[in-house]
Amino acid sequence: MSSELSSASCAHTHRPPLRSLLFVPGNKTAAWLPKARSAGADAVVLDLEDAVPEADRAAAVRQVTEALARRASEGTGPALFVRVRPLDGWAAAEELRTVCGPGLSGIVVPKVSGPDDVRHAARLLGWCEREQPLRQGQLALVPLLETAAALRDAYRCATAATGRVAYLGAITGAGGDVERAVGYRWSPEGHETHALRARVLLDVRAAGAPHPVAGLWTRIGDLDGLRAFAEQNRALGYTGMMAIHPSHVPVVNEVFAPTADELDRAARLIAAMEKAQAHSVGAVTFEGEMVDEAMAATARALLARYT
């Protein structure tokens, strides 16, 4: 299959919005996946990278593949992703081949250094889809931009596998690869990464990635701080966040979902605009604000996504 045809197939694959993507260590899958389901996570990332000691790797891969098989059989529960090791050797490629199957929604690729890494991961996914067989373009690709070069190239990373990359954003937690690469000093307020998160968000939106996600919040017990950080990301335009603890999921889900009042207002705004347009009026005062078709289009998009 040509790369053009493969890209076209991916472009027409529906990727649902995900408010919360909760990490679960691969070697804890059997015990912790039920907790992730109970927490209400939209998606669970079964982690086969840094969270798994090398001595536990074989058992972790087995637990992950068993969970994916159950998900395929039952057809219920959160979407399942797998964070694989960097795809720079045969062992990592073989693990990818092992986990690819009907129960998998996509893979998370760590330590991406640029668009070439994204294209390489997309080619491997295409081969796995043909081997299964799965529909071409079925599996999503979530590149983690964990180097300064990749963050600077966010637009090209997002367009390197058109249609596969739906959940891309700046993951700017405390410590870890991104802080080391960029050199910022993390604070709970997030002032030092606000501009970075905003620029990456604009890049991935311009590239057509429909559901950019942010993260991480590493202070497990600080739910007020988590809420403030999530609200900041939502205000920037992100549609979800990655999370590391089940207690974070309800907060993240609430922040990234519209309230009943917001949905009601959207419906009223649309009704007001339709009434105005029926009388050949293009703009109207609505609840103290001037609105026109652009605002109505935004309201329709909100209702289409959440109702």
C-alpha atoms as a PDB file:
ATOM      1  CA  MET A   1       0.000   0.000   0.000  1.00  0.00           C
ATOM      2  CA  SER A   2       1.392   3.404  -0.920  1.00  0.00           C
ATOM      3  CA  SER A   3       2.082   5.968   1.772  1.00  0.00           C
ATOM      4  CA  GLU A   4      -0.500   8.260   0.149  1.00  0.00           C
ATOM      5  CA  LEU A   5      -3.242   5.623   0.375  1.00  0.00           C
ATOM      6  CA  SER A   6      -2.275   4.771   3.931  1.00  0.00           C
ATOM      7  CA  SER A   7      -2.454   8.428   4.933  1.00  0.00           C
ATOM      8  CA  ALA A   8      -5.852   8.776   3.284  1.00  0.00           C
ATOM      9  CA  SER A   9      -7.141   5.767   5.224  1.00  0.00           C
ATOM     10  CA  CYS A  10      -5.887   7.251   8.482  1.00  0.00           C
ATOM     11  CA  ALA A  11      -7.426  10.617   7.708  1.00  0.00           C
ATOM     12  CA  HIS A  12     -10.893   9.051   7.550  1.00  0.00           C
ATOM     13  CA  THR A  13     -10.541   7.096  10.812  1.00  0.00           C
ATOM     14  CA  HIS A  14     -12.695   8.455  13.627  1.00  0.00           C
ATOM     15  CA  ARG A  15     -10.728   9.316  16.761  1.00  0.00           C
ATOM     16  CA  PRO A  16     -13.010  10.056  19.720  1.00  0.00           C
ATOM     17  CA  PRO A  17     -12.107  12.850  22.137  1.00  0.00           C
ATOM     18  CA  LEU A  18     -10.427  11.616  25.310  1.00  0.00           C
ATOM     19  CA  ARG A  19     -10.617  13.720  28.456  1.00  0.00           C
ATOM     20  CA  SER A  20      -8.407  11.494  30.607  1.00  0.00           C
ATOM     21  CA  LEU A  21      -5.620   9.066  29.685  1.00  0.00           C
ATOM     22  CA  LEU A  22      -4.500   7.227  32.822  1.00  0.00           C
ATOM     23  CA  PHE A  23      -1.132   5.470  32.947  1.00  0.00           C
ATOM     24  CA  VAL A  24      -0.988   1.970  34.444  1.00  0.00           C
ATOM     25  CA  PRO A  25       2.362   0.118  34.753  1.00  0.00           C
ATOM     26  CA  GLY A  26       2.331  -2.908  32.457  1.00  0.00           C
ATOM     27  CA  ASN A  27       3.452  -5.258  35.214  1.00  0.00           C
ATOM     28  CA  LYS A  28       0.499  -4.051  37.377  1.00  0.00           C
ATOM     29  CA  THR A  29      -2.120  -4.381  34.628  1.00  0.00           C
ATOM     30  CA  ALA A  30      -4.058  -7.277  36.155  1.00  0.00           C
ATOM     31  CA  ALA A  31      -4.396  -5.580  39.553  1.00  0.00           C
ATOM     32  CA  TRP A  32      -4.701  -1.917  38.573  1.00  0.00           C
ATOM     33  CA  LEU A  33      -6.745  -1.923  35.351  1.00  0.00           C
ATOM     34  CA  PRO A  34     -10.018  -2.539  37.265  1.00  0.00           C
ATOM     35  CA  LYS A  35      -9.215   0.527  39.406  1.00  0.00           C
ATOM     36  CA  ALA A  36      -8.685   2.585  36.267  1.00  0.00           C
ATOM     37  CA  ARG A  37     -12.071   1.471  34.959  1.00  0.00           C
ATOM     38  CA  SER A  38     -13.741   2.326  38.267  1.00  0.00           C
ATOM     39  CA  ALA A  39     -12.157   5.780  38.230  1.00  0.00           C
ATOM     40  CA  GLY A  40     -13.895   6.505  34.922  1.00  0.00           C
ATOM     41  CA  ALA A  41     -10.851   7.055  32.719  1.00  0.00           C
ATOM     42  CA  ASP A  42     -11.714   7.568  29.053  1.00  0.00           C
ATOM     43  CA  ALA A  43      -8.501   5.759  28.127  1.00  0.00           C
ATOM     44  CA  VAL A  44      -5.837   3.722  29.903  1.00  0.00           C
ATOM     45  CA  VAL A  45      -2.201   3.700  28.810  1.00  0.00           C
ATOM     46  CA  LEU A  46      -0.657   0.350  29.700  1.00  0.00           C
ATOM     47  CA  ASP A  47       2.990   1.251  30.201  1.00  0.00           C
ATOM     48  CA  LEU A  48       5.794  -0.958  28.917  1.00  0.00           C
ATOM     49  CA  GLU A  49       8.476   1.709  29.098  1.00  0.00           C
ATOM     50  CA  ASP A  50      10.058   3.324  32.173  1.00  0.00           C
ATOM     51  CA  ALA A  51       7.465   2.010  34.640  1.00  0.00           C
ATOM     52  CA  VAL A  52       8.476  -1.642  34.077  1.00  0.00           C
ATOM     53  CA  PRO A  53      11.663  -3.115  35.584  1.00  0.00           C
ATOM     54  CA  GLU A  54      13.544  -5.193  33.041  1.00  0.00           C
ATOM     55  CA  ALA A  55      13.149  -8.304  35.188  1.00  0.00           C
ATOM     56  CA  ASP A  56       9.360  -7.945  34.950  1.00  0.00           C
ATOM     57  CA  ARG A  57       9.190  -7.193  31.227  1.00  0.00           C
ATOM     58  CA  ALA A  58       8.053 -10.605  29.986  1.00  0.00           C
ATOM     59  CA  ALA A  59       5.322 -10.797  32.619  1.00  0.00           C
ATOM     60  CA  ALA A  60       4.263  -7.222  31.839  1.00  0.00           C
ATOM     61  CA  VAL A  61       3.903  -7.941  28.122  1.00  0.00           C
ATOM     62  CA  ARG A  62       1.837 -11.026  28.959  1.00  0.00           C
ATOM     63  CA  GLN A  63      -0.489  -9.078  31.267  1.00  0.00           C
ATOM     64  CA  VAL A  64      -0.918  -6.331  28.677  1.00  0.00           C
ATOM     65  CA  THR A  65      -1.739  -8.727  25.824  1.00  0.00           C
ATOM     66  CA  GLU A  66      -4.241 -10.566  28.036  1.00  0.00           C
ATOM     67  CA  ALA A  67      -5.954  -7.273  28.909  1.00  0.00           C
ATOM     68  CA  LEU A  68      -6.118  -6.312  25.233  1.00  0.00           C
ATOM     69  CA  ALA A  69      -7.624  -9.681  24.356  1.00  0.00           C
ATOM     70  CA  ARG A  70     -10.320  -9.226  27.023  1.00  0.00           C
ATOM     71  CA  ARG A  71     -11.058  -5.732  25.745  1.00  0.00           C
ATOM     72  CA  ALA A  72     -11.475  -7.103  22.211  1.00  0.00           C
ATOM     73  CA  SER A  73     -13.750  -9.890  23.437  1.00  0.00           C
ATOM     74  CA  GLU A  74     -15.927  -7.811  25.770  1.00  0.00           C
ATOM     75  CA  GLY A  75     -16.015  -4.622  23.726  1.00  0.00           C
ATOM     76  CA  THR A  76     -16.545  -2.459  26.800  1.00  0.00           C
ATOM     77  CA  GLY A  77     -14.494  -0.283  29.095  1.00  0.00           C
ATOM     78  CA  PRO A  78     -11.994   2.493  28.439  1.00  0.00           C
ATOM     79  CA  ALA A  79      -9.937   2.663  25.275  1.00  0.00           C
ATOM     80  CA  LEU A  80      -6.618   0.877  25.744  1.00  0.00           C
ATOM     81  CA  PHE A  81      -3.310   2.300  24.551  1.00  0.00           C
ATOM     82  CA  VAL A  82       0.153   0.867  25.123  1.00  0.00           C
ATOM     83  CA  ARG A  83       3.272   2.931  25.717  1.00  0.00           C
ATOM     84  CA  VAL A  84       6.033   0.945  24.068  1.00  0.00           C
ATOM     85  CA  ARG A  85       9.765   1.376  24.361  1.00  0.00           C
ATOM     86  CA  PRO A  86      11.477   3.687  21.851  1.00  0.00           C
ATOM     87  CA  LEU A  87      11.191   1.894  18.499  1.00  0.00           C
ATOM     88  CA  ASP A  88      14.917   1.832  17.791  1.00  0.00           C
ATOM     89  CA  GLY A  89      15.597  -1.902  17.859  1.00  0.00           C
ATOM     90  CA  TRP A  90      14.214  -5.341  17.082  1.00  0.00           C
ATOM     91  CA  ALA A  91      13.177  -6.090  20.668  1.00  0.00           C
ATOM     92  CA  ALA A  92      10.947  -3.002  20.851  1.00  0.00           C
ATOM     93  CA  ALA A  93       9.523  -3.694  17.387  1.00  0.00           C
ATOM     94  CA  GLU A  94       8.691  -7.254  18.405  1.00  0.00           C
ATOM     95  CA  GLU A  95       6.894  -6.014  21.528  1.00  0.00           C
ATOM     96  CA  LEU A  96       4.893  -3.663  19.333  1.00  0.00           C
ATOM     97  CA  ARG A  97       3.980  -6.563  17.069  1.00  0.00           C
ATOM     98  CA  THR A  98       2.908  -8.605  20.108  1.00  0.00           C
ATOM     99  CA  VAL A  99       0.516  -5.993  21.519  1.00  0.00           C
ATOM    100  CA  CYS A 100      -1.073  -4.916  18.233  1.00  0.00           C
ATOM    101  CA  GLY A 101      -4.508  -6.454  17.899  1.00  0.00           C
ATOM    102  CA  PRO A 102      -8.246  -5.774  17.922  1.00  0.00           C
ATOM    103  CA  GLY A 103      -8.341  -4.611  21.557  1.00  0.00           C
ATOM    104  CA  LEU A 104      -5.755  -1.865  21.018  1.00  0.00           C
ATOM    105  CA  SER A 105      -6.771   1.734  20.280  1.00  0.00           C
ATOM    106  CA  GLY A 106      -3.261   3.035  19.716  1.00  0.00           C
ATOM    107  CA  ILE A 107       0.326   3.220  20.876  1.00  0.00           C
ATOM    108  CA  VAL A 108       2.196   5.888  22.796  1.00  0.00           C
ATOM    109  CA  VAL A 109       5.752   6.386  21.526  1.00  0.00           C
ATOM    110  CA  PRO A 110       8.207   7.887  24.033  1.00  0.00           C
ATOM    111  CA  LYS A 111      11.263  10.073  23.517  1.00  0.00           C
ATOM    112  CA  VAL A 112      10.313  11.214  20.025  1.00  0.00           C
ATOM    113  CA  SER A 113      13.086  13.400  18.612  1.00  0.00           C
ATOM    114  CA  GLY A 114      11.325  14.562  15.452  1.00  0.00           C
ATOM    115  CA  PRO A 115       9.044  13.688  12.519  1.00  0.00           C
ATOM    116  CA  ASP A 116      11.263  10.841  11.311  1.00  0.00           C
ATOM    117  CA  ASP A 117      10.516   8.935  14.527  1.00  0.00           C
ATOM    118  CA  VAL A 118       6.787   9.467  13.947  1.00  0.00           C
ATOM    119  CA  ARG A 119       6.996   8.235  10.352  1.00  0.00           C
ATOM    120  CA  HIS A 120       8.965   5.180  11.496  1.00  0.00           C
ATOM    121  CA  ALA A 121       6.351   4.336  14.140  1.00  0.00           C
ATOM    122  CA  ALA A 122       3.555   4.814  11.596  1.00  0.00           C
ATOM    123  CA  ARG A 123       5.214   2.408   9.140  1.00  0.00           C
ATOM    124  CA  LEU A 124       5.553  -0.227  11.855  1.00  0.00           C
ATOM    125  CA  LEU A 125       1.901   0.232  12.801  1.00  0.00           C
ATOM    126  CA  GLY A 126       0.888  -0.183   9.165  1.00  0.00           C
ATOM    127  CA  TRP A 127       2.776  -3.474   8.951  1.00  0.00           C
ATOM    128  CA  CYS A 128       1.135  -4.685  12.172  1.00  0.00           C
ATOM    129  CA  GLU A 129      -2.316  -3.755  10.870  1.00  0.00           C
ATOM    130  CA  ARG A 130      -1.757  -5.752   7.689  1.00  0.00           C
ATOM    131  CA  GLU A 131      -0.466  -8.742   9.662  1.00  0.00           C
ATOM    132  CA  GLN A 132      -3.441  -8.929  12.062  1.00  0.00           C
ATOM    133  CA  PRO A 133      -5.376  -7.969   9.872  1.00  0.00           C
ATOM    134  CA  LEU A 134      -6.788  -4.670  11.080  1.00  0.00           C
ATOM    135  CA  ARG A 135      -8.239  -1.828   9.057  1.00  0.00           C
ATOM    136  CA  GLN A 136      -5.447   0.362   7.709  1.00  0.00           C
ATOM    137  CA  GLY A 137      -5.190   3.443   9.866  1.00  0.00           C
ATOM    138  CA  GLN A 138      -7.158   1.897  12.719  1.00  0.00           C
ATOM    139  CA  LEU A 139      -4.463   2.347  15.379  1.00  0.00           C
ATOM    140  CA  ALA A 140      -3.776   5.840  16.672  1.00  0.00           C
ATOM    141  CA  LEU A 141      -0.287   7.136  17.323  1.00  0.00           C
ATOM    142  CA  VAL A 142       0.539   9.317  20.342  1.00  0.00           C
ATOM    143  CA  PRO A 143       4.087  10.703  20.038  1.00  0.00           C
ATOM    144  CA  LEU A 144       5.526  12.034  23.292  1.00  0.00           C
ATOM    145  CA  LEU A 145       7.542  15.149  22.469  1.00  0.00           C
ATOM    146  CA  GLU A 146      10.255  14.718  25.078  1.00  0.00           C
ATOM    147  CA  THR A 147      13.146  16.545  23.427  1.00  0.00           C
ATOM    148  CA  ALA A 148      13.616  20.225  22.660  1.00  0.00           C
ATOM    149  CA  ALA A 149      13.916  19.387  18.956  1.00  0.00           C
ATOM    150  CA  ALA A 150      10.621  17.507  18.911  1.00  0.00           C
ATOM    151  CA  LEU A 151       8.802  20.259  20.809  1.00  0.00           C
ATOM    152  CA  ARG A 152      10.117  22.817  18.321  1.00  0.00           C
ATOM    153  CA  ASP A 153       8.944  20.537  15.489  1.00  0.00           C
ATOM    154  CA  ALA A 154       5.492  19.801  16.918  1.00  0.00           C
ATOM    155  CA  TYR A 155       3.726  20.780  13.682  1.00  0.00           C
ATOM    156  CA  ARG A 156       5.881  18.496  11.526  1.00  0.00           C
ATOM    157  CA  CYS A 157       5.561  15.674  14.064  1.00  0.00           C
ATOM    158  CA  ALA A 158       1.774  15.975  13.897  1.00  0.00           C
ATOM    159  CA  THR A 159       1.727  15.959  10.093  1.00  0.00           C
ATOM    160  CA  ALA A 160       4.261  13.124   9.743  1.00  0.00           C
ATOM    161  CA  ALA A 161       1.461  10.550  10.051  1.00  0.00           C
ATOM    162  CA  THR A 162      -1.684  12.362   8.958  1.00  0.00           C
ATOM    163  CA  GLY A 163      -4.788  11.001  10.643  1.00  0.00           C
ATOM    164  CA  ARG A 164      -2.957   8.711  13.067  1.00  0.00           C
ATOM    165  CA  VAL A 165      -1.849  11.564  15.318  1.00  0.00           C
ATOM    166  CA  ALA A 166      -4.921  12.788  17.203  1.00  0.00           C
ATOM    167  CA  TYR A 167      -3.759  13.103  20.826  1.00  0.00           C
ATOM    168  CA  LEU A 168      -0.580  15.156  20.664  1.00  0.00           C
ATOM    169  CA  GLY A 169       0.453  17.960  22.993  1.00  0.00           C
ATOM    170  CA  ALA A 170       3.012  19.275  25.441  1.00  0.00           C
ATOM    171  CA  ILE A 171       3.502  16.992  28.452  1.00  0.00           C
ATOM    172  CA  THR A 172       5.305  19.289  30.891  1.00  0.00           C
ATOM    173  CA  GLY A 173       5.418  17.550  34.250  1.00  0.00           C
ATOM    174  CA  ALA A 174       7.845  18.071  37.085  1.00  0.00           C
ATOM    175  CA  GLY A 175      11.218  16.440  36.483  1.00  0.00           C
ATOM    176  CA  GLY A 176      11.542  13.891  33.733  1.00  0.00           C
ATOM    177  CA  ASP A 177      12.673  14.157  30.142  1.00  0.00           C
ATOM    178  CA  VAL A 178      10.967  17.410  29.125  1.00  0.00           C
ATOM    179  CA  GLU A 179      12.149  19.460  32.096  1.00  0.00           C
ATOM    180  CA  ARG A 180      15.660  18.167  31.551  1.00  0.00           C
ATOM    181  CA  ALA A 181      15.528  18.895  27.816  1.00  0.00           C
ATOM    182  CA  VAL A 182      14.113  22.414  28.087  1.00  0.00           C
ATOM    183  CA  GLY A 183      15.708  23.427  31.379  1.00  0.00           C
ATOM    184  CA  TYR A 184      12.689  25.028  33.048  1.00  0.00           C
ATOM    185  CA  ARG A 185      12.108  24.925  36.810  1.00  0.00           C
ATOM    186  CA  TRP A 186       8.656  23.461  37.378  1.00  0.00           C
ATOM    187  CA  SER A 187       6.165  25.251  39.594  1.00  0.00           C
ATOM    188  CA  PRO A 188       2.561  24.339  40.501  1.00  0.00           C
ATOM    189  CA  GLU A 189       1.336  27.513  38.803  1.00  0.00           C
ATOM    190  CA  GLY A 190       2.842  26.456  35.466  1.00  0.00           C
ATOM    191  CA  HIS A 191       3.989  29.946  34.455  1.00  0.00           C
ATOM    192  CA  GLU A 192       7.311  28.609  33.163  1.00  0.00           C
ATOM    193  CA  THR A 193       5.644  26.213  30.677  1.00  0.00           C
ATOM    194  CA  HIS A 194       2.557  28.228  29.733  1.00  0.00           C
ATOM    195  CA  ALA A 195       4.085  29.646  26.554  1.00  0.00           C
ATOM    196  CA  LEU A 196       5.447  26.241  25.549  1.00  0.00           C
ATOM    197  CA  ARG A 197       2.104  24.522  26.030  1.00  0.00           C
ATOM    198  CA  ALA A 198       0.347  27.277  24.099  1.00  0.00           C
ATOM    199  CA  ARG A 199       2.757  27.124  21.155  1.00  0.00           C
ATOM    200  CA  VAL A 200       2.615  23.328  20.889  1.00  0.00           C
ATOM    201  CA  LEU A 201      -1.177  23.499  21.095  1.00  0.00           C
ATOM    202  CA  LEU A 202      -1.292  25.932  18.168  1.00  0.00           C
ATOM    203  CA  ASP A 203       1.099  23.741  16.162  1.00  0.00           C
ATOM    204  CA  VAL A 204      -0.931  20.570  16.577  1.00  0.00           C
ATOM    205  CA  ARG A 205      -4.222  22.375  15.924  1.00  0.00           C
ATOM    206  CA  ALA A 206      -2.752  23.847  12.731  1.00  0.00           C
ATOM    207  CA  ALA A 207      -1.654  20.342  11.756  1.00  0.00           C
ATOM    208  CA  GLY A 208      -5.214  19.055  12.111  1.00  0.00           C
ATOM    209  CA  ALA A 209      -4.762  16.912  15.225  1.00  0.00           C
ATOM    210  CA  PRO A 210      -8.325  17.015  16.597  1.00  0.00           C
ATOM    211  CA  HIS A 211      -7.873  16.205  20.297  1.00  0.00           C
ATOM    212  CA  PRO A 212      -4.636  17.618  21.775  1.00  0.00           C
ATOM    213  CA  VAL A 213      -3.828  16.397  25.275  1.00  0.00           C
ATOM    214  CA  ALA A 214      -1.577  17.865  27.946  1.00  0.00           C
ATOM    215  CA  GLY A 215      -0.114  16.702  31.254  1.00  0.00           C
ATOM    216  CA  LEU A 216       1.281  15.678  33.699  1.00  0.00           C
ATOM    217  CA  TRP A 217       0.372  16.496  37.297  1.00  0.00           C
ATOM    218  CA  THR A 218       2.647  14.493  39.580  1.00  0.00           C
ATOM    219  CA  ARG A 219       1.513  15.686  43.035  1.00  0.00           C
ATOM    220  CA  ILE A 220      -0.850  12.833  43.793  1.00  0.00           C
ATOM    221  CA  GLY A 221      -2.623  14.345  46.812  1.00  0.00           C
ATOM    222  CA  ASP A 222      -2.874  17.927  45.509  1.00  0.00           C
ATOM    223  CA  LEU A 223      -6.241  17.818  43.729  1.00  0.00           C
ATOM    224  CA  ASP A 224      -6.718  21.585  43.951  1.00  0.00           C
ATOM    225  CA  GLY A 225      -3.436  22.119  42.143  1.00  0.00           C
ATOM    226  CA  LEU A 226      -4.438  19.505  39.577  1.00  0.00           C
ATOM    227  CA  ARG A 227      -7.738  21.282  38.946  1.00  0.00           C
ATOM    228  CA  ALA A 228      -6.027  24.641  38.453  1.00  0.00           C
ATOM    229  CA  PHE A 229      -3.499  23.104  36.031  1.00  0.00           C
ATOM    230  CA  ALA A 230      -6.228  21.262  34.115  1.00  0.00           C
ATOM    231  CA  GLU A 231      -8.329  24.424  33.866  1.00  0.00           C
ATOM    232  CA  GLN A 232      -5.311  26.280  32.532  1.00  0.00           C
ATOM    233  CA  ASN A 233      -4.810  23.636  29.845  1.00  0.00           C
ATOM    234  CA  ARG A 234      -8.504  23.649  28.973  1.00  0.00           C
ATOM    235  CA  ALA A 235      -8.422  27.435  28.619  1.00  0.00           C
ATOM    236  CA  LEU A 236      -5.500  27.123  26.192  1.00  0.00           C
ATOM    237  CA  GLY A 237      -7.502  24.749  23.983  1.00  0.00           C
ATOM    238  CA  TYR A 238      -6.456  21.271  25.070  1.00  0.00           C
ATOM    239  CA  THR A 239      -9.241  18.686  25.158  1.00  0.00           C
ATOM    240  CA  GLY A 240      -7.763  16.259  27.702  1.00  0.00           C
ATOM    241  CA  MET A 241      -4.869  15.360  29.951  1.00  0.00           C
ATOM    242  CA  MET A 242      -2.697  12.399  30.773  1.00  0.00           C
ATOM    243  CA  ALA A 243      -2.854  11.310  34.420  1.00  0.00           C
ATOM    244  CA  ILE A 244      -0.818   9.088  36.714  1.00  0.00           C
ATOM    245  CA  HIS A 245      -3.291   8.278  39.512  1.00  0.00           C
ATOM    246  CA  PRO A 246      -6.930   7.142  39.571  1.00  0.00           C
ATOM    247  CA  SER A 247      -7.857   9.923  42.014  1.00  0.00           C
ATOM    248  CA  HIS A 248      -6.967  12.459  39.316  1.00  0.00           C
ATOM    249  CA  VAL A 249      -9.413  11.092  36.757  1.00  0.00           C
ATOM    250  CA  PRO A 250     -12.701  12.538  38.110  1.00  0.00           C
ATOM    251  CA  VAL A 251     -11.144  16.007  38.370  1.00  0.00           C
ATOM    252  CA  VAL A 252      -9.731  15.869  34.844  1.00  0.00           C
ATOM    253  CA  ASN A 253     -12.979  14.504  33.403  1.00  0.00           C
ATOM    254  CA  GLU A 254     -14.975  17.279  35.038  1.00  0.00           C
ATOM    255  CA  VAL A 255     -12.684  20.049  33.826  1.00  0.00           C
ATOM    256  CA  PHE A 256     -12.608  18.825  30.223  1.00  0.00           C
ATOM    257  CA  ALA A 257     -16.352  18.274  29.923  1.00  0.00           C
ATOM    258  CA  PRO A 258     -18.853  21.108  29.483  1.00  0.00           C
ATOM    259  CA  THR A 259     -21.320  21.802  32.260  1.00  0.00           C
ATOM    260  CA  ALA A 260     -25.065  21.410  31.789  1.00  0.00           C
ATOM    261  CA  ASP A 261     -25.348  25.210  31.838  1.00  0.00           C
ATOM    262  CA  GLU A 262     -22.793  25.518  29.024  1.00  0.00           C
ATOM    263  CA  LEU A 263     -24.700  23.012  26.890  1.00  0.00           C
ATOM    264  CA  ASP A 264     -28.007  24.754  27.588  1.00  0.00           C
ATOM    265  CA  ARG A 265     -26.514  28.112  26.650  1.00  0.00           C
ATOM    266  CA  ALA A 266     -25.165  26.678  23.401  1.00  0.00           C
ATOM    267  CA  ALA A 267     -28.621  25.393  22.491  1.00  0.00           C
ATOM    268  CA  ARG A 268     -30.198  28.774  23.288  1.00  0.00           C
ATOM    269  CA  LEU A 269     -27.575  30.618  21.242  1.00  0.00           C
ATOM    270  CA  ILE A 270     -28.206  28.404  18.213  1.00  0.00           C
ATOM    271  CA  ALA A 271     -31.947  28.940  18.530  1.00  0.00           C
ATOM    272  CA  ALA A 272     -31.479  32.707  18.753  1.00  0.00           C
ATOM    273  CA  MET A 273     -29.251  32.764  15.672  1.00  0.00           C
ATOM    274  CA  GLU A 274     -31.616  30.581  13.653  1.00  0.00           C
ATOM    275  CA  LYS A 275     -34.496  32.897  14.527  1.00  0.00           C
ATOM    276  CA  ALA A 276     -32.442  35.927  13.502  1.00  0.00           C
ATOM    277  CA  GLN A 277     -31.289  34.323  10.260  1.00  0.00           C
ATOM    278  CA  ALA A 278     -34.883  33.476   9.375  1.00  0.00           C
ATOM    279  CA  HIS A 279     -35.471  37.251   9.335  1.00  0.00           C
ATOM    280  CA  SER A 280     -32.288  37.917   7.296  1.00  0.00           C
ATOM    281  CA  VAL A 281     -30.381  39.189  10.355  1.00  0.00           C
ATOM    282  CA  GLY A 282     -26.727  38.102  10.554  1.00  0.00           C
ATOM    283  CA  ALA A 283     -25.880  39.230  14.080  1.00  0.00           C
ATOM    284  CA  VAL A 284     -27.993  39.537  17.206  1.00  0.00           C
ATOM    285  CA  THR A 285     -27.692  40.522  20.851  1.00  0.00           C
ATOM    286  CA  PHE A 286     -27.848  37.340  22.911  1.00  0.00           C
ATOM    287  CA  GLU A 287     -27.866  37.480  26.717  1.00  0.00           C
ATOM    288  CA  GLY A 288     -25.939  40.734  26.700  1.00  0.00           C
ATOM    289  CA  GLU A 289     -23.403  39.746  24.007  1.00  0.00           C
ATOM    290  CA  MET A 290     -23.228  40.309  20.260  1.00  0.00           C
ATOM    291  CA  VAL A 291     -23.163  36.932  18.463  1.00  0.00           C
ATOM    292  CA  ASP A 292     -23.137  35.857  14.839  1.00  0.00           C
ATOM    293  CA  GLU A 293     -22.791  32.669  12.772  1.00  0.00           C
ATOM    294  CA  ALA A 294     -19.215  32.064  13.962  1.00  0.00           C
ATOM    295  CA  MET A 295     -20.423  31.752  17.562  1.00  0.00           C
ATOM    296  CA  ALA A 296     -23.313  29.553  16.441  1.00  0.00           C
ATOM    297  CA  ALA A 297     -20.884  27.241  14.630  1.00  0.00           C
ATOM    298  CA  THR A 298     -18.824  26.897  17.821  1.00  0.00           C
ATOM    299  CA  ALA A 299     -21.987  26.106  19.789  1.00  0.00           C
ATOM    300  CA  ARG A 300     -23.010  23.459  17.243  1.00  0.00           C
ATOM    301  CA  ALA A 301     -19.581  21.841  17.468  1.00  0.00           C
ATOM    302  CA  LEU A 302     -19.867  21.710  21.257  1.00  0.00           C
ATOM    303  CA  LEU A 303     -23.295  20.058  21.144  1.00  0.00           C
ATOM    304  CA  ALA A 304     -22.206  17.637  18.423  1.00  0.00           C
ATOM    305  CA  ARG A 305     -19.307  16.441  20.583  1.00  0.00           C
ATOM    306  CA  TYR A 306     -21.053  16.129  23.927  1.00  0.00           C
ATOM    307  CA  THR A 307     -24.709  15.336  23.253  1.00  0.00           C
END
